[in-house]
């Protein structure tokens, strides 16, 4: 494929999926990893880690429901009561040593903490979670979780959050969460939550 055409395709793939790795690009464009790196440099497209940092620095809503350090994964996009995206890289401490497969509770923790973080309330707690592990996640893979708030019930103080986790373009986890929200503004909901729990 001519260089110009390859450059266009590379730029298009990265625009469609900013979290795509150089290795995934080599597979799609059928060229060496060195060629991908040179093409990116020529086009002025930073490596994945830099792209993630740039996305994280963009202005987005602040998490209200829990301290940022308690979110599993790195939030790169957040619109409270609408949607959010986080990235979580599977490292040695997240996998079974014999198989290199991620322990399910880490994949769930990323999804659950994003489902709570996307709620625009000082107190948000998971009530129920209907989850499905679609395929095992392996050491070194990057999990990209995308959460969407589907409904907010003012009366009952609950929100429904739909969540999908991907590795590349492949879905690896799906969850439907019901999240309790305190409903009260800054002065309210704490006591109600204490009575329930």
N, C-alpha and C. Protein backbone atom coordinates (compact mmCIF):
# COMPACT_ATOMS: atom_id res chain seq x y z
N UNK A 1 0.85 -1.18 0.00
CA UNK A 1 0.00 0.00 0.00
C UNK A 1 0.90 1.24 0.00
N UNK A 2 0.57 2.23 -0.82
CA UNK A 2 1.38 3.45 -0.86
C UNK A 2 1.41 4.14 0.50
N UNK A 3 2.53 4.81 0.77
CA UNK A 3 2.74 5.46 2.07
C UNK A 3 1.63 6.45 2.40
N UNK A 4 1.25 7.24 1.42
CA UNK A 4 0.21 8.27 1.65
C UNK A 4 -1.11 7.62 2.11
N UNK A 5 -1.48 6.53 1.46
CA UNK A 5 -2.71 5.82 1.81
C UNK A 5 -2.59 5.20 3.21
N UNK A 6 -1.40 4.65 3.50
CA UNK A 6 -1.17 4.05 4.82
C UNK A 6 -1.29 5.11 5.91
N UNK A 7 -0.72 6.29 5.64
CA UNK A 7 -0.81 7.40 6.60
C UNK A 7 -2.26 7.78 6.87
N UNK A 8 -3.06 7.85 5.81
CA UNK A 8 -4.48 8.20 5.96
C UNK A 8 -5.19 7.15 6.82
N UNK A 9 -4.94 5.87 6.52
CA UNK A 9 -5.59 4.80 7.27
C UNK A 9 -5.14 4.79 8.73
N UNK A 10 -3.85 5.01 8.97
CA UNK A 10 -3.32 5.05 10.33
C UNK A 10 -3.99 6.17 11.13
N UNK A 11 -4.04 7.36 10.54
CA UNK A 11 -4.67 8.50 11.22
C UNK A 11 -6.15 8.23 11.50
N UNK A 12 -6.81 7.59 10.54
CA UNK A 12 -8.24 7.28 10.70
C UNK A 12 -8.46 6.27 11.83
N UNK A 13 -7.63 5.22 11.89
CA UNK A 13 -7.75 4.21 12.95
C UNK A 13 -7.56 4.85 14.33
N UNK A 14 -6.58 5.74 14.44
CA UNK A 14 -6.30 6.38 15.73
C UNK A 14 -7.41 7.35 16.10
N UNK A 15 -7.97 8.01 15.11
CA UNK A 15 -9.08 8.94 15.40
C UNK A 15 -10.31 8.16 15.88
N UNK A 16 -10.57 7.02 15.25
CA UNK A 16 -11.72 6.19 15.63
C UNK A 16 -11.52 5.54 17.00
N UNK A 17 -10.28 5.15 17.30
CA UNK A 17 -9.97 4.51 18.58
C UNK A 17 -8.65 5.05 19.10
N UNK A 18 -8.69 6.14 19.90
CA UNK A 18 -7.44 6.73 20.40
C UNK A 18 -6.64 5.78 21.28
N UNK A 19 -7.25 4.68 21.74
CA UNK A 19 -6.57 3.75 22.65
C UNK A 19 -5.94 2.58 21.90
N UNK A 20 -5.94 2.62 20.58
CA UNK A 20 -5.38 1.52 19.78
C UNK A 20 -3.86 1.48 19.98
N UNK A 21 -3.33 0.27 20.10
CA UNK A 21 -1.88 0.13 20.31
C UNK A 21 -1.15 0.03 18.97
N UNK A 22 0.17 0.27 19.01
CA UNK A 22 0.99 0.13 17.80
C UNK A 22 0.91 -1.30 17.27
N UNK A 23 0.88 -2.27 18.20
CA UNK A 23 0.80 -3.68 17.80
C UNK A 23 -0.49 -3.97 17.04
N UNK A 24 -1.60 -3.40 17.52
CA UNK A 24 -2.88 -3.59 16.81
C UNK A 24 -2.83 -2.94 15.43
N UNK A 25 -2.15 -1.79 15.35
CA UNK A 25 -2.02 -1.10 14.05
C UNK A 25 -1.19 -1.92 13.07
N UNK A 26 -0.15 -2.62 13.57
CA UNK A 26 0.67 -3.44 12.67
C UNK A 26 -0.18 -4.55 12.05
N UNK A 27 -1.09 -5.10 12.87
CA UNK A 27 -1.96 -6.17 12.39
C UNK A 27 -2.94 -5.64 11.33
N UNK A 28 -3.51 -4.46 11.60
CA UNK A 28 -4.50 -3.89 10.67
C UNK A 28 -3.87 -3.44 9.36
N UNK A 29 -2.68 -2.83 9.45
CA UNK A 29 -2.06 -2.26 8.24
C UNK A 29 -1.02 -3.19 7.60
N UNK A 30 -0.76 -4.33 8.27
CA UNK A 30 0.16 -5.35 7.75
C UNK A 30 1.55 -4.79 7.43
N UNK A 31 2.09 -4.05 8.42
CA UNK A 31 3.46 -3.54 8.32
C UNK A 31 4.16 -3.78 9.66
N UNK A 32 5.47 -3.53 9.71
CA UNK A 32 6.23 -3.77 10.94
C UNK A 32 5.93 -2.68 11.97
N UNK A 33 6.26 -2.99 13.21
CA UNK A 33 6.03 -2.02 14.29
C UNK A 33 6.91 -0.78 14.10
N UNK A 34 8.12 -0.97 13.52
CA UNK A 34 9.00 0.17 13.25
C UNK A 34 8.35 1.12 12.24
N UNK A 35 7.70 0.54 11.22
CA UNK A 35 7.02 1.36 10.21
C UNK A 35 5.91 2.18 10.86
N UNK A 36 5.14 1.54 11.76
CA UNK A 36 4.05 2.24 12.45
C UNK A 36 4.62 3.41 13.25
N UNK A 37 5.70 3.15 13.99
CA UNK A 37 6.30 4.20 14.82
C UNK A 37 6.82 5.36 13.96
N UNK A 38 7.47 5.02 12.84
CA UNK A 38 7.96 6.08 11.93
C UNK A 38 6.80 6.88 11.34
N UNK A 39 5.75 6.17 10.92
CA UNK A 39 4.57 6.84 10.35
C UNK A 39 3.95 7.79 11.38
N UNK A 40 3.82 7.32 12.64
CA UNK A 40 3.25 8.17 13.68
C UNK A 40 4.09 9.42 13.88
N UNK A 41 5.43 9.22 13.90
CA UNK A 41 6.33 10.37 14.09
C UNK A 41 6.17 11.37 12.94
N UNK A 42 6.12 10.87 11.72
CA UNK A 42 5.96 11.75 10.55
C UNK A 42 4.65 12.52 10.61
N UNK A 43 3.60 11.86 11.13
CA UNK A 43 2.28 12.50 11.21
C UNK A 43 2.11 13.34 12.48
N UNK A 44 3.12 13.26 13.37
CA UNK A 44 3.04 14.02 14.63
C UNK A 44 2.02 13.45 15.60
N UNK A 45 1.78 12.14 15.52
CA UNK A 45 0.83 11.48 16.42
C UNK A 45 1.62 10.85 17.56
N UNK A 46 1.34 11.25 18.80
CA UNK A 46 2.10 10.70 19.93
C UNK A 46 1.79 9.23 20.17
N UNK A 47 2.67 8.56 20.94
CA UNK A 47 2.44 7.15 21.29
C UNK A 47 1.23 7.06 22.22
N UNK A 48 0.76 5.83 22.40
CA UNK A 48 -0.47 5.58 23.17
C UNK A 48 -0.43 6.23 24.55
N UNK A 49 0.66 6.05 25.29
CA UNK A 49 0.74 6.60 26.66
C UNK A 49 0.54 8.11 26.65
N UNK A 50 1.17 8.79 25.69
CA UNK A 50 1.02 10.25 25.57
C UNK A 50 -0.40 10.63 25.20
N UNK A 51 -1.02 9.86 24.28
CA UNK A 51 -2.40 10.14 23.88
C UNK A 51 -3.33 10.00 25.07
N UNK A 52 -3.08 8.97 25.91
CA UNK A 52 -3.90 8.78 27.11
C UNK A 52 -3.74 9.95 28.07
N UNK A 53 -2.49 10.42 28.23
CA UNK A 53 -2.24 11.55 29.13
C UNK A 53 -2.95 12.81 28.64
N UNK A 54 -2.89 13.04 27.33
CA UNK A 54 -3.55 14.20 26.74
C UNK A 54 -5.06 14.15 26.96
N UNK A 55 -5.64 12.95 26.78
CA UNK A 55 -7.09 12.82 27.00
C UNK A 55 -7.44 13.06 28.46
N UNK A 56 -6.59 12.57 29.37
CA UNK A 56 -6.86 12.74 30.80
C UNK A 56 -6.75 14.21 31.21
N UNK A 57 -5.89 14.98 30.51
CA UNK A 57 -5.72 16.40 30.86
C UNK A 57 -6.84 17.28 30.31
N UNK A 58 -7.57 16.76 29.33
CA UNK A 58 -8.70 17.53 28.80
C UNK A 58 -9.67 17.81 29.93
N UNK A 59 -10.39 18.89 29.80
CA UNK A 59 -11.32 19.18 30.89
C UNK A 59 -12.50 18.22 30.81
N UNK A 60 -12.81 17.64 31.95
CA UNK A 60 -14.01 16.83 32.07
C UNK A 60 -14.54 17.00 33.48
N UNK A 61 -15.76 16.57 33.71
CA UNK A 61 -16.37 16.72 35.02
C UNK A 61 -15.53 16.02 36.08
N UNK A 62 -15.60 16.53 37.31
CA UNK A 62 -14.90 15.89 38.42
C UNK A 62 -15.78 14.84 39.06
N UNK A 63 -15.15 13.77 39.48
CA UNK A 63 -15.88 12.70 40.17
C UNK A 63 -16.37 13.25 41.51
N UNK A 64 -17.65 13.04 41.82
CA UNK A 64 -18.21 13.52 43.08
C UNK A 64 -18.42 12.40 44.08
N UNK A 65 -18.70 11.19 43.59
CA UNK A 65 -19.19 10.11 44.46
C UNK A 65 -18.10 9.38 45.23
N UNK A 66 -16.83 9.50 44.82
CA UNK A 66 -15.75 8.86 45.55
C UNK A 66 -14.44 9.56 45.22
N UNK A 67 -13.45 9.45 46.12
CA UNK A 67 -12.15 10.08 45.83
C UNK A 67 -11.54 9.47 44.57
N UNK A 68 -10.89 10.29 43.76
CA UNK A 68 -10.33 9.85 42.48
C UNK A 68 -9.38 8.66 42.66
N UNK A 69 -8.61 8.64 43.75
CA UNK A 69 -7.65 7.54 43.95
C UNK A 69 -8.35 6.21 44.25
N UNK A 70 -9.66 6.25 44.53
CA UNK A 70 -10.41 5.01 44.78
C UNK A 70 -11.02 4.45 43.50
N UNK A 71 -10.92 5.18 42.41
CA UNK A 71 -11.42 4.67 41.12
C UNK A 71 -10.38 3.69 40.59
N UNK A 72 -10.83 2.51 40.20
CA UNK A 72 -9.92 1.51 39.63
C UNK A 72 -9.79 1.80 38.14
N UNK A 73 -8.57 2.07 37.70
CA UNK A 73 -8.34 2.50 36.32
C UNK A 73 -8.22 4.01 36.28
N UNK A 74 -7.84 4.51 35.13
CA UNK A 74 -7.65 5.95 34.95
C UNK A 74 -8.81 6.51 34.15
N UNK A 75 -9.53 7.46 34.75
CA UNK A 75 -10.65 8.07 34.04
C UNK A 75 -10.10 9.03 33.00
N UNK A 76 -10.52 8.84 31.75
CA UNK A 76 -10.04 9.72 30.67
C UNK A 76 -11.16 10.58 30.09
N UNK A 77 -12.39 10.27 30.45
CA UNK A 77 -13.51 11.09 29.98
C UNK A 77 -14.66 10.90 30.95
N UNK A 78 -15.33 12.00 31.33
CA UNK A 78 -16.43 11.88 32.27
C UNK A 78 -17.41 13.02 32.10
N UNK A 79 -18.67 12.67 31.86
CA UNK A 79 -19.78 13.61 31.88
C UNK A 79 -20.76 13.07 32.90
N UNK A 80 -20.82 13.72 34.07
CA UNK A 80 -21.64 13.21 35.16
C UNK A 80 -23.08 13.00 34.71
N UNK A 81 -23.66 11.91 35.18
CA UNK A 81 -25.03 11.48 34.86
C UNK A 81 -25.24 11.24 33.37
N UNK A 82 -24.15 11.10 32.61
CA UNK A 82 -24.26 10.78 31.18
C UNK A 82 -23.37 9.61 30.82
N UNK A 83 -22.04 9.83 30.83
CA UNK A 83 -21.14 8.77 30.38
C UNK A 83 -19.73 8.97 30.94
N UNK A 84 -18.95 7.90 30.85
CA UNK A 84 -17.56 7.98 31.30
C UNK A 84 -16.73 6.87 30.67
N UNK A 85 -15.42 7.10 30.61
CA UNK A 85 -14.48 6.10 30.07
C UNK A 85 -13.29 6.01 31.01
N UNK A 86 -12.87 4.78 31.29
CA UNK A 86 -11.64 4.59 32.06
C UNK A 86 -10.79 3.51 31.40
N UNK A 87 -9.48 3.57 31.69
CA UNK A 87 -8.53 2.60 31.14
C UNK A 87 -7.81 1.93 32.30
N UNK A 88 -7.66 0.61 32.20
CA UNK A 88 -7.01 -0.16 33.25
C UNK A 88 -6.11 -1.19 32.59
N UNK A 89 -4.80 -1.08 32.87
CA UNK A 89 -3.85 -2.03 32.28
C UNK A 89 -3.66 -3.21 33.22
N UNK A 90 -3.76 -4.42 32.69
CA UNK A 90 -3.61 -5.63 33.49
C UNK A 90 -2.11 -5.90 33.68
N UNK A 91 -1.70 -5.85 34.96
CA UNK A 91 -0.29 -6.07 35.30
C UNK A 91 -0.14 -7.39 36.07
N UNK A 92 1.12 -7.71 36.40
CA UNK A 92 1.44 -8.97 37.11
C UNK A 92 0.56 -9.19 38.34
N UNK A 93 0.35 -8.11 39.12
CA UNK A 93 -0.40 -8.27 40.38
C UNK A 93 -1.89 -8.51 40.17
N UNK A 94 -2.38 -8.39 38.93
CA UNK A 94 -3.80 -8.57 38.65
C UNK A 94 -4.12 -9.95 38.08
N UNK A 95 -3.09 -10.77 37.82
CA UNK A 95 -3.33 -12.03 37.11
C UNK A 95 -3.01 -13.25 37.98
N UNK A 96 -3.56 -14.40 37.58
CA UNK A 96 -3.17 -15.67 38.18
C UNK A 96 -1.79 -16.00 37.64
N UNK A 97 -0.86 -16.35 38.53
CA UNK A 97 0.53 -16.54 38.11
C UNK A 97 0.70 -17.70 37.13
N UNK A 98 -0.11 -18.74 37.26
CA UNK A 98 0.04 -19.91 36.38
C UNK A 98 -0.44 -19.64 34.96
N UNK A 99 -1.51 -18.86 34.82
CA UNK A 99 -2.13 -18.71 33.49
C UNK A 99 -1.92 -17.34 32.86
N UNK A 100 -1.58 -16.32 33.67
CA UNK A 100 -1.46 -14.97 33.12
C UNK A 100 -2.81 -14.35 32.79
N UNK A 101 -3.89 -14.95 33.31
CA UNK A 101 -5.24 -14.44 33.08
C UNK A 101 -5.65 -13.56 34.26
N UNK A 102 -6.27 -12.43 33.97
CA UNK A 102 -6.67 -11.48 35.01
C UNK A 102 -7.71 -12.11 35.92
N UNK A 103 -7.58 -11.83 37.21
CA UNK A 103 -8.60 -12.25 38.16
C UNK A 103 -9.84 -11.40 37.90
N UNK A 104 -11.00 -12.04 37.87
CA UNK A 104 -12.25 -11.37 37.51
C UNK A 104 -12.59 -10.18 38.38
N UNK A 105 -12.20 -10.22 39.66
CA UNK A 105 -12.58 -9.11 40.53
C UNK A 105 -11.90 -7.80 40.14
N UNK A 106 -10.77 -7.86 39.44
CA UNK A 106 -10.12 -6.62 38.99
C UNK A 106 -10.90 -6.00 37.82
N UNK A 107 -11.34 -6.85 36.90
CA UNK A 107 -12.13 -6.37 35.75
C UNK A 107 -13.46 -5.80 36.25
N UNK A 108 -14.07 -6.52 37.21
CA UNK A 108 -15.33 -6.04 37.81
C UNK A 108 -15.10 -4.72 38.55
N UNK A 109 -14.00 -4.63 39.30
CA UNK A 109 -13.73 -3.42 40.10
C UNK A 109 -13.61 -2.18 39.21
N UNK A 110 -12.96 -2.32 38.05
CA UNK A 110 -12.88 -1.18 37.13
C UNK A 110 -14.28 -0.76 36.70
N UNK A 111 -15.09 -1.74 36.31
CA UNK A 111 -16.44 -1.46 35.83
C UNK A 111 -17.30 -0.84 36.93
N UNK A 112 -17.27 -1.45 38.12
CA UNK A 112 -18.10 -0.98 39.23
C UNK A 112 -17.71 0.43 39.67
N UNK A 113 -16.40 0.70 39.76
CA UNK A 113 -16.00 2.03 40.22
C UNK A 113 -16.33 3.10 39.18
N UNK A 114 -16.28 2.76 37.89
CA UNK A 114 -16.68 3.73 36.87
C UNK A 114 -18.19 3.96 36.91
N UNK A 115 -18.96 2.88 37.12
CA UNK A 115 -20.43 3.02 37.22
C UNK A 115 -20.81 3.93 38.37
N UNK A 116 -20.07 3.89 39.47
CA UNK A 116 -20.33 4.77 40.62
C UNK A 116 -19.81 6.18 40.32
N UNK A 117 -18.62 6.28 39.72
CA UNK A 117 -17.99 7.58 39.46
C UNK A 117 -18.82 8.45 38.52
N UNK A 118 -19.57 7.84 37.61
CA UNK A 118 -20.32 8.60 36.61
C UNK A 118 -21.58 9.26 37.22
N UNK A 119 -21.92 8.89 38.46
CA UNK A 119 -23.11 9.42 39.12
C UNK A 119 -22.81 10.79 39.74
N UNK A 120 -23.68 11.74 39.47
CA UNK A 120 -23.51 13.12 39.95
C UNK A 120 -24.16 13.26 41.33
N UNK A 121 -23.53 12.69 42.32
CA UNK A 121 -24.05 12.74 43.68
C UNK A 121 -22.90 12.50 44.64
N UNK A 122 -22.99 13.06 45.83
CA UNK A 122 -21.93 12.89 46.82
C UNK A 122 -21.89 11.46 47.34
N UNK A 123 -23.05 10.80 47.37
CA UNK A 123 -23.11 9.41 47.83
C UNK A 123 -23.73 8.56 46.73
N UNK A 124 -22.98 7.59 46.24
CA UNK A 124 -23.48 6.67 45.22
C UNK A 124 -22.95 5.28 45.56
N UNK A 125 -23.85 4.31 45.64
CA UNK A 125 -23.48 2.95 46.03
C UNK A 125 -24.14 1.94 45.08
N UNK A 126 -23.45 0.86 44.79
CA UNK A 126 -24.00 -0.17 43.93
C UNK A 126 -25.08 -0.95 44.68
N UNK A 127 -26.26 -1.05 44.07
CA UNK A 127 -27.36 -1.82 44.65
C UNK A 127 -27.34 -3.22 44.05
N UNK A 128 -27.36 -3.31 42.73
CA UNK A 128 -27.27 -4.60 42.05
C UNK A 128 -26.36 -4.48 40.84
N UNK A 129 -25.81 -5.62 40.44
CA UNK A 129 -24.97 -5.66 39.24
C UNK A 129 -25.26 -6.96 38.52
N UNK A 130 -25.71 -6.85 37.28
CA UNK A 130 -25.93 -8.01 36.43
C UNK A 130 -24.77 -8.02 35.44
N UNK A 131 -23.82 -8.94 35.64
CA UNK A 131 -22.57 -8.87 34.87
C UNK A 131 -22.33 -10.13 34.05
N UNK A 132 -21.51 -9.96 33.02
CA UNK A 132 -21.14 -11.07 32.14
C UNK A 132 -19.70 -10.92 31.71
N UNK A 133 -18.88 -11.92 32.02
CA UNK A 133 -17.50 -11.95 31.53
C UNK A 133 -17.55 -12.65 30.18
N UNK A 134 -17.14 -11.95 29.12
CA UNK A 134 -17.28 -12.50 27.77
C UNK A 134 -16.07 -13.32 27.36
N UNK A 135 -14.88 -12.84 27.72
CA UNK A 135 -13.68 -13.63 27.49
C UNK A 135 -12.61 -13.25 28.52
N UNK A 136 -11.68 -14.16 28.82
CA UNK A 136 -10.64 -13.83 29.79
C UNK A 136 -9.76 -12.68 29.29
N UNK A 137 -9.30 -11.87 30.23
CA UNK A 137 -8.39 -10.77 29.91
C UNK A 137 -7.00 -11.21 30.37
N UNK A 138 -5.99 -10.91 29.55
CA UNK A 138 -4.66 -11.43 29.82
C UNK A 138 -3.68 -10.33 30.24
N UNK A 139 -2.59 -10.77 30.81
CA UNK A 139 -1.51 -9.88 31.26
C UNK A 139 -1.09 -8.95 30.12
N UNK A 140 -0.97 -7.67 30.41
CA UNK A 140 -0.52 -6.69 29.43
C UNK A 140 -1.63 -6.06 28.61
N UNK A 141 -2.84 -6.61 28.68
CA UNK A 141 -3.94 -6.03 27.91
C UNK A 141 -4.49 -4.80 28.62
N UNK A 142 -5.00 -3.86 27.81
CA UNK A 142 -5.61 -2.64 28.35
C UNK A 142 -7.12 -2.75 28.26
N UNK A 143 -7.77 -2.65 29.41
CA UNK A 143 -9.23 -2.70 29.45
C UNK A 143 -9.77 -1.27 29.35
N UNK A 144 -10.62 -1.04 28.38
CA UNK A 144 -11.26 0.27 28.21
C UNK A 144 -12.72 0.10 28.57
N UNK A 145 -13.11 0.69 29.70
CA UNK A 145 -14.50 0.58 30.17
C UNK A 145 -15.26 1.83 29.76
N UNK A 146 -16.47 1.63 29.25
CA UNK A 146 -17.33 2.75 28.84
C UNK A 146 -18.66 2.60 29.56
N UNK A 147 -19.02 3.63 30.33
CA UNK A 147 -20.26 3.60 31.11
C UNK A 147 -21.24 4.61 30.55
N UNK A 148 -22.52 4.22 30.55
CA UNK A 148 -23.59 5.10 30.06
C UNK A 148 -24.73 5.10 31.08
N UNK A 149 -25.09 6.28 31.58
CA UNK A 149 -26.24 6.37 32.48
C UNK A 149 -27.49 6.31 31.62
N UNK A 150 -28.31 5.27 31.84
CA UNK A 150 -29.48 5.05 31.00
C UNK A 150 -30.75 5.66 31.57
N UNK A 151 -30.87 5.73 32.89
CA UNK A 151 -32.06 6.36 33.48
C UNK A 151 -31.76 6.79 34.90
N UNK A 152 -32.47 7.83 35.31
CA UNK A 152 -32.34 8.35 36.66
C UNK A 152 -33.74 8.42 37.24
N UNK A 153 -33.97 7.71 38.33
CA UNK A 153 -35.28 7.70 38.96
C UNK A 153 -35.22 8.59 40.20
N UNK A 154 -35.80 9.77 40.12
CA UNK A 154 -35.76 10.74 41.21
C UNK A 154 -36.44 10.23 42.47
N UNK A 155 -37.58 9.56 42.30
CA UNK A 155 -38.35 9.08 43.44
C UNK A 155 -37.55 8.12 44.31
N UNK A 156 -37.01 7.11 43.68
CA UNK A 156 -36.34 6.05 44.44
C UNK A 156 -34.87 6.35 44.67
N UNK A 157 -34.36 7.39 44.04
CA UNK A 157 -32.96 7.72 44.22
C UNK A 157 -32.02 6.68 43.64
N UNK A 158 -32.37 6.16 42.45
CA UNK A 158 -31.53 5.16 41.81
C UNK A 158 -31.28 5.53 40.35
N UNK A 159 -30.13 5.08 39.85
CA UNK A 159 -29.79 5.26 38.44
C UNK A 159 -29.40 3.92 37.85
N UNK A 160 -29.70 3.75 36.56
CA UNK A 160 -29.26 2.55 35.86
C UNK A 160 -28.06 2.93 34.99
N UNK A 161 -27.00 2.15 35.11
CA UNK A 161 -25.78 2.40 34.34
C UNK A 161 -25.45 1.14 33.56
N UNK A 162 -25.28 1.32 32.25
CA UNK A 162 -24.88 0.21 31.37
C UNK A 162 -23.39 0.38 31.10
N UNK A 163 -22.64 -0.73 31.17
CA UNK A 163 -21.20 -0.62 31.04
C UNK A 163 -20.64 -1.73 30.15
N UNK A 164 -19.70 -1.34 29.30
CA UNK A 164 -19.04 -2.29 28.39
C UNK A 164 -17.54 -2.11 28.54
N UNK A 165 -16.80 -3.22 28.63
CA UNK A 165 -15.34 -3.16 28.70
C UNK A 165 -14.78 -3.83 27.46
N UNK A 166 -13.83 -3.16 26.83
CA UNK A 166 -13.22 -3.65 25.59
C UNK A 166 -11.72 -3.81 25.75
N UNK A 167 -11.15 -4.76 25.03
CA UNK A 167 -9.71 -4.83 24.78
C UNK A 167 -9.60 -4.68 23.28
N UNK A 168 -9.04 -3.56 22.85
CA UNK A 168 -9.07 -3.24 21.41
C UNK A 168 -10.52 -3.06 21.00
N UNK A 169 -10.94 -3.76 19.96
CA UNK A 169 -12.33 -3.67 19.49
C UNK A 169 -13.19 -4.79 20.04
N UNK A 170 -12.60 -5.66 20.85
CA UNK A 170 -13.32 -6.85 21.33
C UNK A 170 -13.91 -6.62 22.72
N UNK A 171 -15.22 -6.84 22.84
CA UNK A 171 -15.86 -6.70 24.15
C UNK A 171 -15.48 -7.88 25.02
N UNK A 172 -15.04 -7.57 26.27
CA UNK A 172 -14.62 -8.64 27.18
C UNK A 172 -15.50 -8.73 28.42
N UNK A 173 -16.29 -7.69 28.69
CA UNK A 173 -17.11 -7.64 29.89
C UNK A 173 -18.31 -6.74 29.63
N UNK A 174 -19.45 -7.11 30.23
CA UNK A 174 -20.64 -6.28 30.10
C UNK A 174 -21.34 -6.28 31.45
N UNK A 175 -21.87 -5.12 31.84
CA UNK A 175 -22.58 -5.06 33.11
C UNK A 175 -23.71 -4.06 33.08
N UNK A 176 -24.77 -4.40 33.82
CA UNK A 176 -25.87 -3.47 34.06
C UNK A 176 -25.93 -3.24 35.56
N UNK A 177 -25.72 -2.00 35.96
CA UNK A 177 -25.64 -1.66 37.37
C UNK A 177 -26.83 -0.80 37.77
N UNK A 178 -27.35 -1.04 38.97
CA UNK A 178 -28.31 -0.12 39.57
C UNK A 178 -27.55 0.55 40.70
N UNK A 179 -27.47 1.87 40.64
CA UNK A 179 -26.70 2.64 41.61
C UNK A 179 -27.64 3.47 42.47
N UNK A 180 -27.52 3.32 43.79
CA UNK A 180 -28.26 4.15 44.73
C UNK A 180 -27.60 5.51 44.79
N UNK A 181 -28.40 6.56 44.78
CA UNK A 181 -27.87 7.92 44.93
C UNK A 181 -28.63 8.58 46.06
N UNK A 182 -27.94 9.41 46.82
CA UNK A 182 -28.55 9.97 48.03
C UNK A 182 -29.65 10.97 47.72
N UNK A 183 -29.78 11.40 46.46
CA UNK A 183 -30.79 12.37 46.02
C UNK A 183 -30.56 13.75 46.60
N UNK A 184 -30.21 13.82 47.90
CA UNK A 184 -30.07 15.10 48.58
C UNK A 184 -28.94 15.91 48.00
N UNK A 185 -29.08 17.20 48.07
CA UNK A 185 -27.98 18.06 47.67
C UNK A 185 -26.95 17.98 48.79
N UNK A 186 -26.00 18.88 48.79
CA UNK A 186 -24.87 18.82 49.72
C UNK A 186 -25.31 18.69 51.18
N UNK A 187 -26.46 19.25 51.55
CA UNK A 187 -26.85 19.24 52.96
C UNK A 187 -27.65 18.03 53.36
N UNK A 188 -28.13 17.23 52.41
CA UNK A 188 -29.12 16.21 52.71
C UNK A 188 -28.61 14.83 52.98
N UNK A 189 -28.57 14.02 51.94
CA UNK A 189 -28.54 12.59 51.91
C UNK A 189 -27.73 11.77 52.88
N UNK A 190 -26.77 12.31 53.62
CA UNK A 190 -25.93 11.49 54.46
C UNK A 190 -26.68 10.64 55.45
N UNK A 191 -27.67 11.21 56.18
CA UNK A 191 -28.37 10.46 57.20
C UNK A 191 -29.18 9.33 56.60
N UNK A 192 -29.80 9.60 55.47
CA UNK A 192 -30.60 8.58 54.79
C UNK A 192 -29.73 7.37 54.46
N UNK A 193 -28.50 7.64 53.99
CA UNK A 193 -27.60 6.56 53.65
C UNK A 193 -27.19 5.79 54.90
N UNK A 194 -26.96 6.49 56.00
CA UNK A 194 -26.54 5.84 57.23
C UNK A 194 -27.66 4.92 57.73
N UNK A 195 -28.91 5.32 57.57
CA UNK A 195 -30.04 4.48 58.01
C UNK A 195 -30.09 3.20 57.18
N UNK A 196 -29.78 3.30 55.90
CA UNK A 196 -29.89 2.13 55.03
C UNK A 196 -28.76 1.14 55.26
N UNK A 197 -27.58 1.63 55.64
CA UNK A 197 -26.41 0.74 55.71
C UNK A 197 -25.86 0.74 57.10
